[in-house]
Amino acid sequence: MKKIIKGTPDRPRLYIFRSNKHIYGQIIDDTRNKILITRSSLSVKENNQVTGHANCNTSKTIGKLIAQACIDKGIQKIVFDRGKHIYHGRIKALAESARKAGIEF
């Protein structure tokens, strides 16, 4: 049985989705069913911050951007939800980058 991870207004949930080509991160408040912040390798690619597909370097950039947006909105603590993926590679790079930028989870 899978444990259900829920975010609260005090600690919203950071959900990571990884496809073969891209990686997405969303800050979600589950009590109101609202997506507060979203960043992806697609949006970073449009702004010419990275080239190519999602790799560990792109994931680090996404994590840093998510953390900056959280801090701008006053969010310091989050709940981490990696979905069905293991904590390795691109998922790990994004999470560690967000931690370095000042988000606690």
N, C-alpha and C. Protein backbone atom coordinates (compact mmCIF):
# COMPACT_ATOMS: atom_id res chain seq x y z
N MET A 1 0.84 -1.18 0.00
CA MET A 1 0.00 0.00 0.00
C MET A 1 0.89 1.24 0.00
N LYS A 2 0.57 2.19 -0.86
CA LYS A 2 1.36 3.40 -0.99
C LYS A 2 0.93 4.44 0.04
N LYS A 3 1.91 5.09 0.64
CA LYS A 3 1.63 6.16 1.58
C LYS A 3 1.25 7.42 0.80
N ILE A 4 0.21 8.08 1.21
CA ILE A 4 -0.24 9.29 0.53
C ILE A 4 0.42 10.50 1.19
N ILE A 5 1.07 11.31 0.38
CA ILE A 5 1.76 12.50 0.86
C ILE A 5 0.87 13.69 0.58
N LYS A 6 0.60 14.50 1.61
CA LYS A 6 -0.26 15.67 1.48
C LYS A 6 0.49 16.92 1.93
N GLY A 7 0.23 18.02 1.25
CA GLY A 7 0.78 19.30 1.64
C GLY A 7 -0.25 20.11 2.41
N THR A 8 0.22 21.01 3.23
CA THR A 8 -0.65 21.90 4.01
C THR A 8 -0.32 23.33 3.62
N PRO A 9 -1.13 24.29 4.08
CA PRO A 9 -0.78 25.70 3.79
C PRO A 9 0.57 26.10 4.39
N ASP A 10 0.93 25.51 5.54
CA ASP A 10 2.21 25.83 6.16
C ASP A 10 3.37 25.13 5.46
N ARG A 11 3.13 23.91 5.01
CA ARG A 11 4.16 23.11 4.33
C ARG A 11 3.57 22.53 3.04
N PRO A 12 3.60 23.30 1.95
CA PRO A 12 3.08 22.76 0.69
C PRO A 12 3.96 21.64 0.17
N ARG A 13 3.44 20.90 -0.78
CA ARG A 13 4.11 19.72 -1.32
C ARG A 13 4.87 20.08 -2.59
N LEU A 14 6.13 19.64 -2.68
CA LEU A 14 6.92 19.76 -3.90
C LEU A 14 6.82 18.43 -4.63
N TYR A 15 6.09 18.42 -5.74
CA TYR A 15 5.91 17.21 -6.53
C TYR A 15 6.83 17.27 -7.73
N ILE A 16 7.61 16.21 -7.93
CA ILE A 16 8.54 16.11 -9.04
C ILE A 16 8.00 15.09 -10.03
N PHE A 17 7.89 15.49 -11.30
CA PHE A 17 7.54 14.57 -12.36
C PHE A 17 8.69 14.55 -13.35
N ARG A 18 9.11 13.35 -13.71
CA ARG A 18 10.23 13.20 -14.63
C ARG A 18 9.78 12.34 -15.80
N SER A 19 9.97 12.88 -17.01
CA SER A 19 9.75 12.07 -18.21
C SER A 19 11.12 11.76 -18.81
N ASN A 20 11.13 11.12 -19.95
CA ASN A 20 12.41 10.80 -20.56
C ASN A 20 13.17 12.04 -21.02
N LYS A 21 12.44 13.08 -21.42
CA LYS A 21 13.09 14.28 -21.96
C LYS A 21 13.08 15.47 -21.03
N HIS A 22 12.11 15.56 -20.13
CA HIS A 22 11.94 16.77 -19.32
C HIS A 22 11.71 16.43 -17.86
N ILE A 23 11.84 17.46 -17.02
CA ILE A 23 11.57 17.32 -15.59
C ILE A 23 10.73 18.52 -15.16
N TYR A 24 9.76 18.26 -14.29
CA TYR A 24 8.83 19.28 -13.85
C TYR A 24 8.79 19.30 -12.33
N GLY A 25 8.65 20.48 -11.75
CA GLY A 25 8.49 20.63 -10.31
C GLY A 25 7.33 21.54 -10.01
N GLN A 26 6.45 21.13 -9.10
CA GLN A 26 5.28 21.93 -8.74
C GLN A 26 5.18 22.02 -7.23
N ILE A 27 4.89 23.20 -6.74
CA ILE A 27 4.57 23.42 -5.33
C ILE A 27 3.05 23.44 -5.23
N ILE A 28 2.49 22.50 -4.46
CA ILE A 28 1.04 22.30 -4.41
C ILE A 28 0.54 22.44 -2.98
N ASP A 29 -0.56 23.20 -2.80
CA ASP A 29 -1.27 23.26 -1.53
C ASP A 29 -2.46 22.32 -1.66
N ASP A 30 -2.38 21.16 -1.03
CA ASP A 30 -3.41 20.13 -1.19
C ASP A 30 -4.72 20.46 -0.47
N THR A 31 -4.70 21.33 0.52
CA THR A 31 -5.94 21.65 1.21
C THR A 31 -6.85 22.50 0.33
N ARG A 32 -6.27 23.34 -0.53
CA ARG A 32 -7.06 24.16 -1.45
C ARG A 32 -7.02 23.64 -2.88
N ASN A 33 -6.27 22.56 -3.10
CA ASN A 33 -6.08 22.01 -4.45
C ASN A 33 -5.58 23.07 -5.43
N LYS A 34 -4.56 23.79 -5.03
CA LYS A 34 -3.99 24.86 -5.85
C LYS A 34 -2.51 24.58 -6.13
N ILE A 35 -2.10 24.84 -7.35
CA ILE A 35 -0.69 24.81 -7.70
C ILE A 35 -0.16 26.21 -7.49
N LEU A 36 0.78 26.36 -6.56
CA LEU A 36 1.29 27.68 -6.21
C LEU A 36 2.43 28.10 -7.13
N ILE A 37 3.34 27.19 -7.41
CA ILE A 37 4.52 27.49 -8.22
C ILE A 37 4.78 26.30 -9.13
N THR A 38 5.19 26.56 -10.36
CA THR A 38 5.59 25.48 -11.25
C THR A 38 6.78 25.93 -12.08
N ARG A 39 7.73 25.02 -12.21
CA ARG A 39 8.91 25.24 -13.05
C ARG A 39 9.20 23.94 -13.77
N SER A 40 9.71 24.04 -14.99
CA SER A 40 10.03 22.83 -15.75
C SER A 40 11.20 23.10 -16.66
N SER A 41 11.74 22.04 -17.23
CA SER A 41 12.84 22.19 -18.17
C SER A 41 12.35 22.84 -19.45
N LEU A 42 11.06 22.76 -19.74
CA LEU A 42 10.50 23.44 -20.90
C LEU A 42 10.53 24.96 -20.72
N SER A 43 10.14 25.45 -19.54
CA SER A 43 10.14 26.89 -19.30
C SER A 43 11.55 27.43 -19.22
N VAL A 44 12.49 26.67 -18.69
CA VAL A 44 13.87 27.10 -18.61
C VAL A 44 14.50 27.14 -20.00
N LYS A 45 14.11 26.18 -20.83
CA LYS A 45 14.63 26.12 -22.20
C LYS A 45 14.15 27.31 -23.02
N GLU A 46 12.89 27.74 -22.81
CA GLU A 46 12.34 28.89 -23.52
C GLU A 46 13.08 30.17 -23.16
N ASN A 47 13.55 30.27 -21.91
CA ASN A 47 14.28 31.46 -21.46
C ASN A 47 15.77 31.38 -21.77
N ASN A 48 16.18 30.34 -22.52
CA ASN A 48 17.57 30.15 -22.94
C ASN A 48 18.54 30.04 -21.76
N GLN A 49 18.08 29.49 -20.64
CA GLN A 49 18.96 29.28 -19.49
C GLN A 49 19.72 27.97 -19.62
N VAL A 50 19.16 27.01 -20.35
CA VAL A 50 19.85 25.74 -20.60
C VAL A 50 19.57 25.33 -22.04
N THR A 51 20.38 24.45 -22.54
CA THR A 51 20.15 23.90 -23.87
C THR A 51 20.05 22.39 -23.76
N GLY A 52 19.36 21.78 -24.70
CA GLY A 52 19.22 20.34 -24.68
C GLY A 52 18.09 19.88 -23.77
N HIS A 53 18.10 18.59 -23.51
CA HIS A 53 17.05 17.99 -22.69
C HIS A 53 17.43 18.03 -21.21
N ALA A 54 16.51 17.55 -20.39
CA ALA A 54 16.71 17.57 -18.94
C ALA A 54 17.81 16.58 -18.55
N ASN A 55 18.83 17.08 -17.90
CA ASN A 55 19.87 16.24 -17.32
C ASN A 55 20.07 16.74 -15.89
N CYS A 56 21.11 16.30 -15.23
CA CYS A 56 21.32 16.70 -13.83
C CYS A 56 21.58 18.20 -13.71
N ASN A 57 22.27 18.79 -14.67
CA ASN A 57 22.51 20.23 -14.62
C ASN A 57 21.22 21.02 -14.77
N THR A 58 20.36 20.59 -15.65
CA THR A 58 19.05 21.24 -15.81
C THR A 58 18.23 21.07 -14.54
N SER A 59 18.28 19.90 -13.94
CA SER A 59 17.53 19.65 -12.70
C SER A 59 18.01 20.55 -11.58
N LYS A 60 19.32 20.79 -11.51
CA LYS A 60 19.84 21.71 -10.50
C LYS A 60 19.31 23.12 -10.71
N THR A 61 19.23 23.55 -11.96
CA THR A 61 18.69 24.87 -12.28
C THR A 61 17.23 24.96 -11.89
N ILE A 62 16.45 23.93 -12.18
CA ILE A 62 15.03 23.91 -11.83
C ILE A 62 14.86 23.98 -10.31
N GLY A 63 15.64 23.21 -9.57
CA GLY A 63 15.57 23.23 -8.11
C GLY A 63 15.87 24.60 -7.54
N LYS A 64 16.87 25.26 -8.10
CA LYS A 64 17.24 26.60 -7.64
C LYS A 64 16.12 27.60 -7.93
N LEU A 65 15.50 27.50 -9.12
CA LEU A 65 14.41 28.41 -9.48
C LEU A 65 13.17 28.18 -8.62
N ILE A 66 12.87 26.93 -8.31
CA ILE A 66 11.73 26.63 -7.45
C ILE A 66 11.97 27.19 -6.05
N ALA A 67 13.18 27.02 -5.54
CA ALA A 67 13.50 27.52 -4.21
C ALA A 67 13.42 29.05 -4.16
N GLN A 68 13.91 29.71 -5.17
CA GLN A 68 13.84 31.18 -5.21
C GLN A 68 12.39 31.66 -5.24
N ALA A 69 11.55 30.99 -6.04
CA ALA A 69 10.14 31.36 -6.10
C ALA A 69 9.44 31.11 -4.77
N CYS A 70 9.80 30.02 -4.09
CA CYS A 70 9.22 29.73 -2.77
C CYS A 70 9.61 30.80 -1.76
N ILE A 71 10.86 31.17 -1.74
CA ILE A 71 11.33 32.18 -0.80
C ILE A 71 10.66 33.52 -1.09
N ASP A 72 10.45 33.84 -2.36
CA ASP A 72 9.76 35.08 -2.72
C ASP A 72 8.32 35.09 -2.22
N LYS A 73 7.68 33.91 -2.17
CA LYS A 73 6.30 33.80 -1.68
C LYS A 73 6.24 33.57 -0.17
N GLY A 74 7.38 33.47 0.49
CA GLY A 74 7.39 33.29 1.94
C GLY A 74 7.30 31.84 2.38
N ILE A 75 7.56 30.92 1.51
CA ILE A 75 7.52 29.49 1.85
C ILE A 75 8.93 29.04 2.20
N GLN A 76 9.12 28.55 3.43
CA GLN A 76 10.43 28.10 3.89
C GLN A 76 10.54 26.59 4.00
N LYS A 77 9.42 25.93 4.34
CA LYS A 77 9.41 24.49 4.55
C LYS A 77 8.41 23.85 3.60
N ILE A 78 8.80 22.70 3.03
CA ILE A 78 7.92 21.98 2.12
C ILE A 78 7.95 20.49 2.45
N VAL A 79 7.03 19.76 1.84
CA VAL A 79 7.00 18.30 1.91
C VAL A 79 7.44 17.81 0.54
N PHE A 80 8.40 16.90 0.50
CA PHE A 80 8.96 16.42 -0.77
C PHE A 80 8.22 15.18 -1.25
N ASP A 81 7.76 15.20 -2.49
CA ASP A 81 7.04 14.07 -3.09
C ASP A 81 7.73 13.73 -4.41
N ARG A 82 8.43 12.60 -4.43
CA ARG A 82 9.18 12.20 -5.62
C ARG A 82 8.35 11.33 -6.54
N GLY A 83 7.09 11.09 -6.19
CA GLY A 83 6.23 10.24 -7.01
C GLY A 83 6.67 8.80 -6.93
N LYS A 84 6.66 8.11 -8.04
CA LYS A 84 7.03 6.70 -8.06
C LYS A 84 8.52 6.49 -8.33
N HIS A 85 9.26 7.55 -8.53
CA HIS A 85 10.67 7.44 -8.88
C HIS A 85 11.55 7.34 -7.64
N ILE A 86 12.68 6.68 -7.77
CA ILE A 86 13.61 6.57 -6.65
C ILE A 86 14.41 7.86 -6.52
N TYR A 87 14.94 8.09 -5.35
CA TYR A 87 15.72 9.30 -5.06
C TYR A 87 17.12 9.11 -5.61
N HIS A 88 17.27 9.42 -6.91
CA HIS A 88 18.53 9.16 -7.60
C HIS A 88 18.58 10.01 -8.86
N GLY A 89 19.75 10.41 -9.28
CA GLY A 89 19.92 11.10 -10.56
C GLY A 89 19.29 12.48 -10.58
N ARG A 90 18.38 12.69 -11.55
CA ARG A 90 17.77 14.00 -11.75
C ARG A 90 16.90 14.42 -10.58
N ILE A 91 16.20 13.47 -9.97
CA ILE A 91 15.35 13.77 -8.81
C ILE A 91 16.23 14.24 -7.65
N LYS A 92 17.32 13.55 -7.40
CA LYS A 92 18.23 13.90 -6.32
C LYS A 92 18.89 15.25 -6.59
N ALA A 93 19.28 15.52 -7.82
CA ALA A 93 19.92 16.80 -8.16
C ALA A 93 18.98 17.96 -7.92
N LEU A 94 17.71 17.81 -8.29
CA LEU A 94 16.73 18.87 -8.07
C LEU A 94 16.51 19.11 -6.58
N ALA A 95 16.37 18.03 -5.81
CA ALA A 95 16.11 18.16 -4.37
C ALA A 95 17.29 18.81 -3.65
N GLU A 96 18.50 18.38 -3.95
CA GLU A 96 19.67 18.94 -3.28
C GLU A 96 19.89 20.39 -3.66
N SER A 97 19.58 20.76 -4.89
CA SER A 97 19.70 22.14 -5.31
C SER A 97 18.70 23.03 -4.58
N ALA A 98 17.49 22.54 -4.39
CA ALA A 98 16.48 23.30 -3.65
C ALA A 98 16.89 23.46 -2.18
N ARG A 99 17.48 22.42 -1.61
CA ARG A 99 17.96 22.50 -0.22
C ARG A 99 19.08 23.54 -0.10
N LYS A 100 20.00 23.52 -1.04
CA LYS A 100 21.12 24.48 -0.99
C LYS A 100 20.63 25.91 -1.11
N ALA A 101 19.53 26.11 -1.84
CA ALA A 101 19.00 27.45 -2.04
C ALA A 101 18.18 27.94 -0.85
N GLY A 102 17.96 27.09 0.16
CA GLY A 102 17.34 27.57 1.40
C GLY A 102 16.01 26.97 1.76
N ILE A 103 15.54 25.96 1.07
CA ILE A 103 14.26 25.33 1.39
C ILE A 103 14.51 24.13 2.29
N GLU A 104 13.67 23.97 3.32
CA GLU A 104 13.81 22.85 4.25
C GLU A 104 12.77 21.78 3.93
N PHE A 105 13.24 20.53 3.88
CA PHE A 105 12.34 19.37 3.79
C PHE A 105 13.07 18.13 4.17
